[in-house]
Amino acid sequence: VEFVNYVKNDLPDPSERETILAAPTLSLTSMVQAAKDTPLKIAAEN
């Protein structure tokens, strides 16, 4: 969550470059909440 909060406001426009972070399952829902309304998309690793 700390990582998402650090990077989420400095990402490129998603129409020009898509940004994705894949993380362990336990962290995913908290990361989705932290990344809400930002260009960052959260992915599962499996």
All heavy atoms as atom14 arrays in JSON, in Angstrom:
{
  "sequence": "VEFVNYVKNDLPDPSERETILAAPTLSLTSMVQAAKDTPLKIAAEN",
  "atom14_mask": [
    [1, 1, 1, 1, 1, 1, 1, 0, 0, 0, 0, 0, 0, 0],
    [1, 1, 1, 1, 1, 1, 1, 1, 1, 0, 0, 0, 0, 0],
    [1, 1, 1, 1, 1, 1, 1, 1, 1, 1, 1, 0, 0, 0],
    [1, 1, 1, 1, 1, 1, 1, 0, 0, 0, 0, 0, 0, 0],
    [1, 1, 1, 1, 1, 1, 1, 1, 0, 0, 0, 0, 0, 0],
    [1, 1, 1, 1, 1, 1, 1, 1, 1, 1, 1, 1, 0, 0],
    [1, 1, 1, 1, 1, 1, 1, 0, 0, 0, 0, 0, 0, 0],
    [1, 1, 1, 1, 1, 1, 1, 1, 1, 0, 0, 0, 0, 0],
    [1, 1, 1, 1, 1, 1, 1, 1, 0, 0, 0, 0, 0, 0],
    [1, 1, 1, 1, 1, 1, 1, 1, 0, 0, 0, 0, 0, 0],
    [1, 1, 1, 1, 1, 1, 1, 1, 0, 0, 0, 0, 0, 0],
    [1, 1, 1, 1, 1, 1, 1, 0, 0, 0, 0, 0, 0, 0],
    [1, 1, 1, 1, 1, 1, 1, 1, 0, 0, 0, 0, 0, 0],
    [1, 1, 1, 1, 1, 1, 1, 0, 0, 0, 0, 0, 0, 0],
    [1, 1, 1, 1, 1, 1, 0, 0, 0, 0, 0, 0, 0, 0],
    [1, 1, 1, 1, 1, 1, 1, 1, 1, 0, 0, 0, 0, 0],
    [1, 1, 1, 1, 1, 1, 1, 1, 1, 1, 1, 0, 0, 0],
    [1, 1, 1, 1, 1, 1, 1, 1, 1, 0, 0, 0, 0, 0],
    [1, 1, 1, 1, 1, 1, 1, 0, 0, 0, 0, 0, 0, 0],
    [1, 1, 1, 1, 1, 1, 1, 1, 0, 0, 0, 0, 0, 0],
    [1, 1, 1, 1, 1, 1, 1, 1, 0, 0, 0, 0, 0, 0],
    [1, 1, 1, 1, 1, 0, 0, 0, 0, 0, 0, 0, 0, 0],
    [1, 1, 1, 1, 1, 0, 0, 0, 0, 0, 0, 0, 0, 0],
    [1, 1, 1, 1, 1, 1, 1, 0, 0, 0, 0, 0, 0, 0],
    [1, 1, 1, 1, 1, 1, 1, 0, 0, 0, 0, 0, 0, 0],
    [1, 1, 1, 1, 1, 1, 1, 1, 0, 0, 0, 0, 0, 0],
    [1, 1, 1, 1, 1, 1, 0, 0, 0, 0, 0, 0, 0, 0],
    [1, 1, 1, 1, 1, 1, 1, 1, 0, 0, 0, 0, 0, 0],
    [1, 1, 1, 1, 1, 1, 1, 0, 0, 0, 0, 0, 0, 0],
    [1, 1, 1, 1, 1, 1, 0, 0, 0, 0, 0, 0, 0, 0],
    [1, 1, 1, 1, 1, 1, 1, 1, 0, 0, 0, 0, 0, 0],
    [1, 1, 1, 1, 1, 1, 1, 0, 0, 0, 0, 0, 0, 0],
    [1, 1, 1, 1, 1, 1, 1, 1, 1, 0, 0, 0, 0, 0],
    [1, 1, 1, 1, 1, 0, 0, 0, 0, 0, 0, 0, 0, 0],
    [1, 1, 1, 1, 1, 0, 0, 0, 0, 0, 0, 0, 0, 0],
    [1, 1, 1, 1, 1, 1, 1, 1, 1, 0, 0, 0, 0, 0],
    [1, 1, 1, 1, 1, 1, 1, 1, 0, 0, 0, 0, 0, 0],
    [1, 1, 1, 1, 1, 1, 1, 0, 0, 0, 0, 0, 0, 0],
    [1, 1, 1, 1, 1, 1, 1, 0, 0, 0, 0, 0, 0, 0],
    [1, 1, 1, 1, 1, 1, 1, 1, 0, 0, 0, 0, 0, 0],
    [1, 1, 1, 1, 1, 1, 1, 1, 1, 0, 0, 0, 0, 0],
    [1, 1, 1, 1, 1, 1, 1, 1, 0, 0, 0, 0, 0, 0],
    [1, 1, 1, 1, 1, 0, 0, 0, 0, 0, 0, 0, 0, 0],
    [1, 1, 1, 1, 1, 0, 0, 0, 0, 0, 0, 0, 0, 0],
    [1, 1, 1, 1, 1, 1, 1, 1, 1, 0, 0, 0, 0, 0],
    [1, 1, 1, 1, 1, 1, 1, 1, 0, 0, 0, 0, 0, 0]
  ],
  "atom14_positions": [
    [[0.84, -1.21, 0.0], [0.0, 0.0, 0.0], [0.87, 1.25, 0.0], [0.59, 2.22, -0.72], [-0.95, -0.02, 1.21], [-1.66, 1.33, 1.35], [-1.97, -1.14, 1.07], [0.0, 0.0, 0.0], [0.0, 0.0, 0.0], [0.0, 0.0, 0.0], [0.0, 0.0, 0.0], [0.0, 0.0, 0.0], [0.0, 0.0, 0.0], [0.0, 0.0, 0.0]],
    [[1.92, 1.25, 0.79], [2.85, 2.38, 0.82], [3.44, 2.63, -0.57], [3.58, 3.78, -1.01], [3.96, 2.1, 1.83], [4.95, 3.25, 1.98], [6.05, 2.94, 2.98], [6.12, 1.8, 3.48], [6.87, 3.84, 3.26], [0.0, 0.0, 0.0], [0.0, 0.0, 0.0], [0.0, 0.0, 0.0], [0.0, 0.0, 0.0], [0.0, 0.0, 0.0]],
    [[3.8, 1.57, -1.26], [4.35, 1.67, -2.62], [3.32, 2.31, -3.55], [3.65, 3.25, -4.3], [4.73, 0.27, -3.11], [5.45, 0.23, -4.42], [6.81, -0.06, -4.48], [4.79, 0.47, -5.62], [7.48, -0.11, -5.68], [5.45, 0.42, -6.83], [6.8, 0.12, -6.86], [0.0, 0.0, 0.0], [0.0, 0.0, 0.0], [0.0, 0.0, 0.0]],
    [[2.09, 1.82, -3.54], [1.04, 2.36, -4.41], [0.83, 3.85, -4.14], [0.75, 4.66, -5.07], [-0.27, 1.58, -4.22], [-1.42, 2.28, -4.96], [-0.12, 0.16, -4.74], [0.0, 0.0, 0.0], [0.0, 0.0, 0.0], [0.0, 0.0, 0.0], [0.0, 0.0, 0.0], [0.0, 0.0, 0.0], [0.0, 0.0, 0.0], [0.0, 0.0, 0.0]],
    [[0.76, 4.21, -2.88], [0.55, 5.62, -2.54], [1.71, 6.49, -3.0], [1.52, 7.67, -3.36], [0.36, 5.77, -1.03], [-1.0, 5.26, -0.56], [-1.97, 5.29, -1.32], [-1.07, 4.78, 0.67], [0.0, 0.0, 0.0], [0.0, 0.0, 0.0], [0.0, 0.0, 0.0], [0.0, 0.0, 0.0], [0.0, 0.0, 0.0], [0.0, 0.0, 0.0]],
    [[2.91, 5.94, -3.03], [4.08, 6.69, -3.46], [4.07, 6.96, -4.97], [4.45, 8.05, -5.41], [5.34, 5.91, -3.07], [6.63, 6.66, -3.29], [7.19, 7.42, -2.26], [7.31, 6.59, -4.5], [8.38, 8.11, -2.44], [8.5, 7.28, -4.7], [9.03, 8.03, -3.66], [10.22, 8.71, -3.86], [0.0, 0.0, 0.0], [0.0, 0.0, 0.0]],
    [[3.63, 5.99, -5.76], [3.77, 6.11, -7.22], [2.5, 6.56, -7.93], [2.57, 7.04, -9.07], [4.22, 4.77, -7.85], [5.5, 4.27, -7.21], [3.13, 3.69, -7.77], [0.0, 0.0, 0.0], [0.0, 0.0, 0.0], [0.0, 0.0, 0.0], [0.0, 0.0, 0.0], [0.0, 0.0, 0.0], [0.0, 0.0, 0.0], [0.0, 0.0, 0.0]],
    [[1.34, 6.44, -7.32], [0.09, 6.52, -8.07], [-0.19, 7.87, -8.72], [-0.93, 7.94, -9.72], [-1.09, 6.13, -7.17], [-1.35, 7.08, -6.0], [-2.49, 6.54, -5.13], [-2.79, 7.47, -3.98], [-3.87, 6.91, -3.11], [0.0, 0.0, 0.0], [0.0, 0.0, 0.0], [0.0, 0.0, 0.0], [0.0, 0.0, 0.0], [0.0, 0.0, 0.0]],
    [[0.38, 8.94, -8.2], [0.12, 10.27, -8.76], [1.18, 10.72, -9.75], [1.12, 11.86, -10.25], [-0.01, 11.29, -7.63], [-1.22, 11.02, -6.74], [-2.3, 10.7, -7.24], [-1.04, 11.14, -5.43], [0.0, 0.0, 0.0], [0.0, 0.0, 0.0], [0.0, 0.0, 0.0], [0.0, 0.0, 0.0], [0.0, 0.0, 0.0], [0.0, 0.0, 0.0]],
    [[2.14, 9.85, -10.06], [3.22, 10.22, -10.98], [3.31, 9.27, -12.16], [4.39, 9.05, -12.73], [4.56, 10.24, -10.24], [4.63, 11.35, -9.2], [4.31, 12.49, -9.55], [4.98, 11.06, -8.04], [0.0, 0.0, 0.0], [0.0, 0.0, 0.0], [0.0, 0.0, 0.0], [0.0, 0.0, 0.0], [0.0, 0.0, 0.0], [0.0, 0.0, 0.0]],
    [[2.18, 8.72, -12.56], [2.14, 7.74, -13.64], [1.72, 8.39, -14.95], [1.02, 9.41, -14.95], [1.17, 6.61, -13.27], [1.49, 5.87, -11.98], [0.41, 4.84, -11.68], [2.86, 5.21, -12.05], [0.0, 0.0, 0.0], [0.0, 0.0, 0.0], [0.0, 0.0, 0.0], [0.0, 0.0, 0.0], [0.0, 0.0, 0.0], [0.0, 0.0, 0.0]],
    [[2.13, 7.83, -16.08], [1.75, 8.4, -17.37], [0.26, 8.26, -17.65], [-0.43, 7.44, -17.03], [2.58, 7.59, -18.37], [2.91, 6.32, -17.66], [3.0, 6.65, -16.21], [0.0, 0.0, 0.0], [0.0, 0.0, 0.0], [0.0, 0.0, 0.0], [0.0, 0.0, 0.0], [0.0, 0.0, 0.0], [0.0, 0.0, 0.0], [0.0, 0.0, 0.0]],
    [[-0.22, 9.06, -18.58], [-1.61, 8.96, -19.03], [-1.85, 7.56, -19.58], [-1.08, 7.08, -20.41], [-1.87, 10.01, -20.12], [-3.34, 10.11, -20.49], [-3.93, 9.07, -20.86], [-3.88, 11.22, -20.42], [0.0, 0.0, 0.0], [0.0, 0.0, 0.0], [0.0, 0.0, 0.0], [0.0, 0.0, 0.0], [0.0, 0.0, 0.0], [0.0, 0.0, 0.0]],
    [[-2.91, 6.87, -19.12], [-3.13, 5.49, -19.57], [-3.41, 5.36, -21.06], [-3.3, 4.26, -21.61], [-4.32, 5.03, -18.73], [-4.99, 6.28, -18.26], [-3.9, 7.3, -18.12], [0.0, 0.0, 0.0], [0.0, 0.0, 0.0], [0.0, 0.0, 0.0], [0.0, 0.0, 0.0], [0.0, 0.0, 0.0], [0.0, 0.0, 0.0], [0.0, 0.0, 0.0]],
    [[-3.76, 6.45, -21.72], [-3.95, 6.39, -23.17], [-2.62, 6.34, -23.91], [-2.56, 5.98, -25.09], [-4.76, 7.6, -23.66], [-4.03, 8.81, -23.46], [0.0, 0.0, 0.0], [0.0, 0.0, 0.0], [0.0, 0.0, 0.0], [0.0, 0.0, 0.0], [0.0, 0.0, 0.0], [0.0, 0.0, 0.0], [0.0, 0.0, 0.0], [0.0, 0.0, 0.0]],
    [[-1.54, 6.69, -23.19], [-0.22, 6.68, -23.79], [0.64, 5.52, -23.31], [1.47, 5.0, -24.05], [0.49, 8.01, -23.47], [-0.22, 9.22, -24.04], [0.45, 10.52, -23.66], [1.46, 10.48, -22.92], [-0.02, 11.58, -24.11], [0.0, 0.0, 0.0], [0.0, 0.0, 0.0], [0.0, 0.0, 0.0], [0.0, 0.0, 0.0], [0.0, 0.0, 0.0]],
    [[0.47, 5.12, -22.06], [1.21, 3.98, -21.5], [0.44, 3.42, -20.32], [0.1, 4.15, -19.4], [2.62, 4.41, -21.08], [3.43, 3.26, -20.48], [4.9, 3.62, -20.33], [5.57, 3.75, -21.62], [6.89, 3.88, -21.77], [7.68, 3.91, -20.71], [7.43, 3.99, -22.98], [0.0, 0.0, 0.0], [0.0, 0.0, 0.0], [0.0, 0.0, 0.0]],
    [[0.17, 2.13, -20.36], [-0.58, 1.47, -19.3], [0.38, 0.97, -18.22], [1.42, 0.38, -18.53], [-1.38, 0.3, -19.9], [-2.4, -0.31, -18.96], [-3.28, -1.32, -19.69], [-3.39, -1.25, -20.93], [-3.84, -2.19, -18.99], [0.0, 0.0, 0.0], [0.0, 0.0, 0.0], [0.0, 0.0, 0.0], [0.0, 0.0, 0.0], [0.0, 0.0, 0.0]],
    [[0.02, 1.2, -16.97], [0.86, 0.81, -15.85], [0.15, -0.24, -15.0], [-0.98, -0.03, -14.56], [1.2, 2.02, -14.95], [1.74, 3.07, -15.76], [2.21, 1.64, -13.89], [0.0, 0.0, 0.0], [0.0, 0.0, 0.0], [0.0, 0.0, 0.0], [0.0, 0.0, 0.0], [0.0, 0.0, 0.0], [0.0, 0.0, 0.0], [0.0, 0.0, 0.0]],
    [[0.85, -1.37, -14.76], [0.26, -2.49, -14.04], [1.23, -2.96, -12.96], [2.44, -2.99, -13.18], [-0.03, -3.66, -15.0], [-1.0, -3.24, -16.11], [-0.57, -4.88, -14.26], [-1.15, -4.27, -17.22], [0.0, 0.0, 0.0], [0.0, 0.0, 0.0], [0.0, 0.0, 0.0], [0.0, 0.0, 0.0], [0.0, 0.0, 0.0], [0.0, 0.0, 0.0]],
    [[0.7, -3.32, -11.8], [1.49, -3.95, -10.75], [0.85, -5.28, -10.38], [-0.34, -5.33, -10.02], [1.58, -3.07, -9.51], [2.66, -2.01, -9.46], [2.52, -1.17, -8.2], [4.05, -2.64, -9.54], [0.0, 0.0, 0.0], [0.0, 0.0, 0.0], [0.0, 0.0, 0.0], [0.0, 0.0, 0.0], [0.0, 0.0, 0.0], [0.0, 0.0, 0.0]],
    [[1.62, -6.36, -10.44], [1.16, -7.68, -10.01], [1.79, -7.99, -8.67], [3.02, -7.88, -8.5], [1.54, -8.74, -11.04], [0.0, 0.0, 0.0], [0.0, 0.0, 0.0], [0.0, 0.0, 0.0], [0.0, 0.0, 0.0], [0.0, 0.0, 0.0], [0.0, 0.0, 0.0], [0.0, 0.0, 0.0], [0.0, 0.0, 0.0], [0.0, 0.0, 0.0]],
    [[0.96, -8.39, -7.72], [1.43, -8.57, -6.34], [0.87, -9.85, -5.76], [-0.08, -10.44, -6.29], [0.99, -7.36, -5.5], [0.0, 0.0, 0.0], [0.0, 0.0, 0.0], [0.0, 0.0, 0.0], [0.0, 0.0, 0.0], [0.0, 0.0, 0.0], [0.0, 0.0, 0.0], [0.0, 0.0, 0.0], [0.0, 0.0, 0.0], [0.0, 0.0, 0.0]],
    [[1.43, -10.3, -4.62], [0.87, -11.47, -3.94], [-0.6, -11.27, -3.58], [-1.04, -10.15, -3.3], [1.73, -11.58, -2.67], [3.03, -10.95, -3.05], [2.66, -9.82, -3.97], [0.0, 0.0, 0.0], [0.0, 0.0, 0.0], [0.0, 0.0, 0.0], [0.0, 0.0, 0.0], [0.0, 0.0, 0.0], [0.0, 0.0, 0.0], [0.0, 0.0, 0.0]],
    [[-1.35, -12.35, -3.59], [-2.81, -12.29, -3.43], [-3.24, -11.54, -2.18], [-4.21, -10.78, -2.21], [-3.38, -13.72, -3.41], [-2.98, -14.4, -4.6], [-4.89, -13.7, -3.34], [0.0, 0.0, 0.0], [0.0, 0.0, 0.0], [0.0, 0.0, 0.0], [0.0, 0.0, 0.0], [0.0, 0.0, 0.0], [0.0, 0.0, 0.0], [0.0, 0.0, 0.0]],
    [[-2.54, -11.72, -1.08], [-2.94, -11.12, 0.19], [-2.99, -9.59, 0.11], [-3.76, -8.95, 0.84], [-1.98, -11.56, 1.3], [-2.39, -11.25, 2.75], [-3.7, -11.95, 3.09], [-1.29, -11.69, 3.71], [0.0, 0.0, 0.0], [0.0, 0.0, 0.0], [0.0, 0.0, 0.0], [0.0, 0.0, 0.0], [0.0, 0.0, 0.0], [0.0, 0.0, 0.0]],
    [[-2.2, -9.0, -0.76], [-2.12, -7.54, -0.85], [-3.09, -6.93, -1.85], [-3.26, -5.7, -1.87], [-0.69, -7.12, -1.23], [0.24, -7.52, -0.26], [0.0, 0.0, 0.0], [0.0, 0.0, 0.0], [0.0, 0.0, 0.0], [0.0, 0.0, 0.0], [0.0, 0.0, 0.0], [0.0, 0.0, 0.0], [0.0, 0.0, 0.0], [0.0, 0.0, 0.0]],
    [[-3.72, -7.73, -2.68], [-4.42, -7.2, -3.85], [-5.57, -6.26, -3.51], [-5.7, -5.18, -4.09], [-4.91, -8.35, -4.73], [-3.81, -9.19, -5.38], [-4.43, -10.34, -6.2], [-2.92, -8.34, -6.27], [0.0, 0.0, 0.0], [0.0, 0.0, 0.0], [0.0, 0.0, 0.0], [0.0, 0.0, 0.0], [0.0, 0.0, 0.0], [0.0, 0.0, 0.0]],
    [[-6.46, -6.65, -2.61], [-7.62, -5.8, -2.34], [-7.2, -4.47, -1.73], [-7.78, -3.42, -2.06], [-8.62, -6.52, -1.41], [-7.95, -6.97, -0.23], [-9.24, -7.71, -2.12], [0.0, 0.0, 0.0], [0.0, 0.0, 0.0], [0.0, 0.0, 0.0], [0.0, 0.0, 0.0], [0.0, 0.0, 0.0], [0.0, 0.0, 0.0], [0.0, 0.0, 0.0]],
    [[-6.21, -4.48, -0.86], [-5.73, -3.22, -0.27], [-5.09, -2.33, -1.34], [-5.24, -1.1, -1.31], [-4.71, -3.51, 0.84], [-5.31, -4.22, 1.9], [0.0, 0.0, 0.0], [0.0, 0.0, 0.0], [0.0, 0.0, 0.0], [0.0, 0.0, 0.0], [0.0, 0.0, 0.0], [0.0, 0.0, 0.0], [0.0, 0.0, 0.0], [0.0, 0.0, 0.0]],
    [[-4.4, -2.94, -2.28], [-3.79, -2.17, -3.37], [-4.84, -1.58, -4.29], [-4.71, -0.45, -4.76], [-2.82, -3.06, -4.15], [-1.59, -3.46, -3.36], [-0.54, -4.64, -4.27], [0.1, -3.59, -5.58], [0.0, 0.0, 0.0], [0.0, 0.0, 0.0], [0.0, 0.0, 0.0], [0.0, 0.0, 0.0], [0.0, 0.0, 0.0], [0.0, 0.0, 0.0]],
    [[-5.89, -2.35, -4.57], [-6.99, -1.84, -5.41], [-7.6, -0.6, -4.76], [-7.88, 0.41, -5.43], [-8.06, -2.93, -5.63], [-9.33, -2.33, -6.22], [-7.52, -4.02, -6.54], [0.0, 0.0, 0.0], [0.0, 0.0, 0.0], [0.0, 0.0, 0.0], [0.0, 0.0, 0.0], [0.0, 0.0, 0.0], [0.0, 0.0, 0.0], [0.0, 0.0, 0.0]],
    [[-7.84, -0.64, -3.47], [-8.4, 0.5, -2.76], [-7.46, 1.7, -2.82], [-7.9, 2.84, -3.05], [-8.7, 0.12, -1.31], [-9.82, -0.91, -1.17], [-9.94, -1.47, 0.24], [-9.22, -1.05, 1.15], [-10.84, -2.41, 0.42], [0.0, 0.0, 0.0], [0.0, 0.0, 0.0], [0.0, 0.0, 0.0], [0.0, 0.0, 0.0], [0.0, 0.0, 0.0]],
    [[-6.16, 1.45, -2.62], [-5.19, 2.54, -2.64], [-5.06, 3.16, -4.03], [-4.8, 4.37, -4.16], [-3.84, 2.05, -2.15], [0.0, 0.0, 0.0], [0.0, 0.0, 0.0], [0.0, 0.0, 0.0], [0.0, 0.0, 0.0], [0.0, 0.0, 0.0], [0.0, 0.0, 0.0], [0.0, 0.0, 0.0], [0.0, 0.0, 0.0], [0.0, 0.0, 0.0]],
    [[-5.25, 2.36, -5.07], [-5.07, 2.82, -6.45], [-6.36, 3.37, -7.07], [-6.35, 3.77, -8.24], [-4.53, 1.68, -7.31], [0.0, 0.0, 0.0], [0.0, 0.0, 0.0], [0.0, 0.0, 0.0], [0.0, 0.0, 0.0], [0.0, 0.0, 0.0], [0.0, 0.0, 0.0], [0.0, 0.0, 0.0], [0.0, 0.0, 0.0], [0.0, 0.0, 0.0]],
    [[-7.43, 3.4, -6.33], [-8.73, 3.83, -6.87], [-8.63, 5.22, -7.5], [-8.0, 6.13, -6.95], [-9.78, 3.83, -5.76], [-11.19, 4.13, -6.25], [-12.17, 4.07, -5.1], [-13.6, 4.37, -5.59], [-14.58, 4.33, -4.48], [0.0, 0.0, 0.0], [0.0, 0.0, 0.0], [0.0, 0.0, 0.0], [0.0, 0.0, 0.0], [0.0, 0.0, 0.0]],
    [[-9.25, 5.35, -8.68], [-9.3, 6.62, -9.42], [-7.92, 7.11, -9.86], [-7.69, 8.32, -10.04], [-9.99, 7.71, -8.59], [-11.43, 7.36, -8.25], [-12.1, 6.74, -9.08], [-11.87, 7.7, -7.13], [0.0, 0.0, 0.0], [0.0, 0.0, 0.0], [0.0, 0.0, 0.0], [0.0, 0.0, 0.0], [0.0, 0.0, 0.0], [0.0, 0.0, 0.0]],
    [[-6.98, 6.19, -10.04], [-5.66, 6.52, -10.58], [-5.41, 5.66, -11.8], [-6.14, 4.69, -12.05], [-4.54, 6.29, -9.54], [-4.28, 4.87, -9.43], [-4.92, 6.85, -8.18], [0.0, 0.0, 0.0], [0.0, 0.0, 0.0], [0.0, 0.0, 0.0], [0.0, 0.0, 0.0], [0.0, 0.0, 0.0], [0.0, 0.0, 0.0], [0.0, 0.0, 0.0]],
    [[-4.37, 5.95, -12.58], [-4.09, 5.13, -13.78], [-3.59, 3.72, -13.47], [-3.56, 2.87, -14.36], [-3.0, 5.93, -14.5], [-3.06, 7.29, -13.94], [-3.51, 7.14, -12.53], [0.0, 0.0, 0.0], [0.0, 0.0, 0.0], [0.0, 0.0, 0.0], [0.0, 0.0, 0.0], [0.0, 0.0, 0.0], [0.0, 0.0, 0.0], [0.0, 0.0, 0.0]],
    [[-3.2, 3.47, -12.22], [-2.57, 2.2, -11.88], [-3.58, 1.05, -11.85], [-4.62, 1.14, -11.2], [-1.89, 2.3, -10.51], [-1.14, 1.06, -10.02], [0.02, 0.72, -10.94], [-0.64, 1.29, -8.59], [0.0, 0.0, 0.0], [0.0, 0.0, 0.0], [0.0, 0.0, 0.0], [0.0, 0.0, 0.0], [0.0, 0.0, 0.0], [0.0, 0.0, 0.0]],
    [[-3.26, -0.03, -12.57], [-4.08, -1.24, -12.56], [-3.36, -2.32, -11.76], [-2.14, -2.48, -11.86], [-4.37, -1.72, -13.97], [-5.25, -0.77, -14.77], [-5.57, -1.31, -16.15], [-6.51, -0.38, -16.91], [-6.81, -0.89, -18.27], [0.0, 0.0, 0.0], [0.0, 0.0, 0.0], [0.0, 0.0, 0.0], [0.0, 0.0, 0.0], [0.0, 0.0, 0.0]],
    [[-4.14, -3.06, -10.97], [-3.58, -4.09, -10.12], [-3.85, -5.46, -10.72], [-4.96, -5.74, -11.18], [-4.17, -4.01, -8.69], [-3.99, -2.6, -8.13], [-3.51, -5.04, -7.79], [-2.56, -2.11, -8.06], [0.0, 0.0, 0.0], [0.0, 0.0, 0.0], [0.0, 0.0, 0.0], [0.0, 0.0, 0.0], [0.0, 0.0, 0.0], [0.0, 0.0, 0.0]],
    [[-2.83, -6.31, -10.73], [-2.92, -7.63, -11.34], [-2.61, -8.71, -10.31], [-1.86, -8.49, -9.36], [-1.96, -7.75, -12.52], [0.0, 0.0, 0.0], [0.0, 0.0, 0.0], [0.0, 0.0, 0.0], [0.0, 0.0, 0.0], [0.0, 0.0, 0.0], [0.0, 0.0, 0.0], [0.0, 0.0, 0.0], [0.0, 0.0, 0.0], [0.0, 0.0, 0.0]],
    [[-3.19, -9.89, -10.54], [-2.82, -11.07, -9.76], [-1.66, -11.78, -10.44], [-1.49, -11.68, -11.66], [-4.02, -12.0, -9.63], [0.0, 0.0, 0.0], [0.0, 0.0, 0.0], [0.0, 0.0, 0.0], [0.0, 0.0, 0.0], [0.0, 0.0, 0.0], [0.0, 0.0, 0.0], [0.0, 0.0, 0.0], [0.0, 0.0, 0.0], [0.0, 0.0, 0.0]],
    [[-0.9, -12.52, -9.66], [0.25, -13.25, -10.21], [-0.13, -14.65, -10.67], [0.69, -15.33, -11.31], [1.35, -13.35, -9.15], [1.93, -11.99, -8.76], [2.99, -12.11, -7.7], [3.39, -13.25, -7.36], [3.45, -11.07, -7.21], [0.0, 0.0, 0.0], [0.0, 0.0, 0.0], [0.0, 0.0, 0.0], [0.0, 0.0, 0.0], [0.0, 0.0, 0.0]],
    [[-1.35, -15.06, -10.38], [-1.79, -16.42, -10.74], [-3.27, -16.55, -10.38], [-3.8, -15.74, -9.62], [-0.97, -17.46, -9.99], [-1.24, -18.89, -10.46], [-1.48, -19.12, -11.64], [-1.2, -19.84, -9.55], [0.0, 0.0, 0.0], [0.0, 0.0, 0.0], [0.0, 0.0, 0.0], [0.0, 0.0, 0.0], [0.0, 0.0, 0.0], [0.0, 0.0, 0.0]]
  ]
}
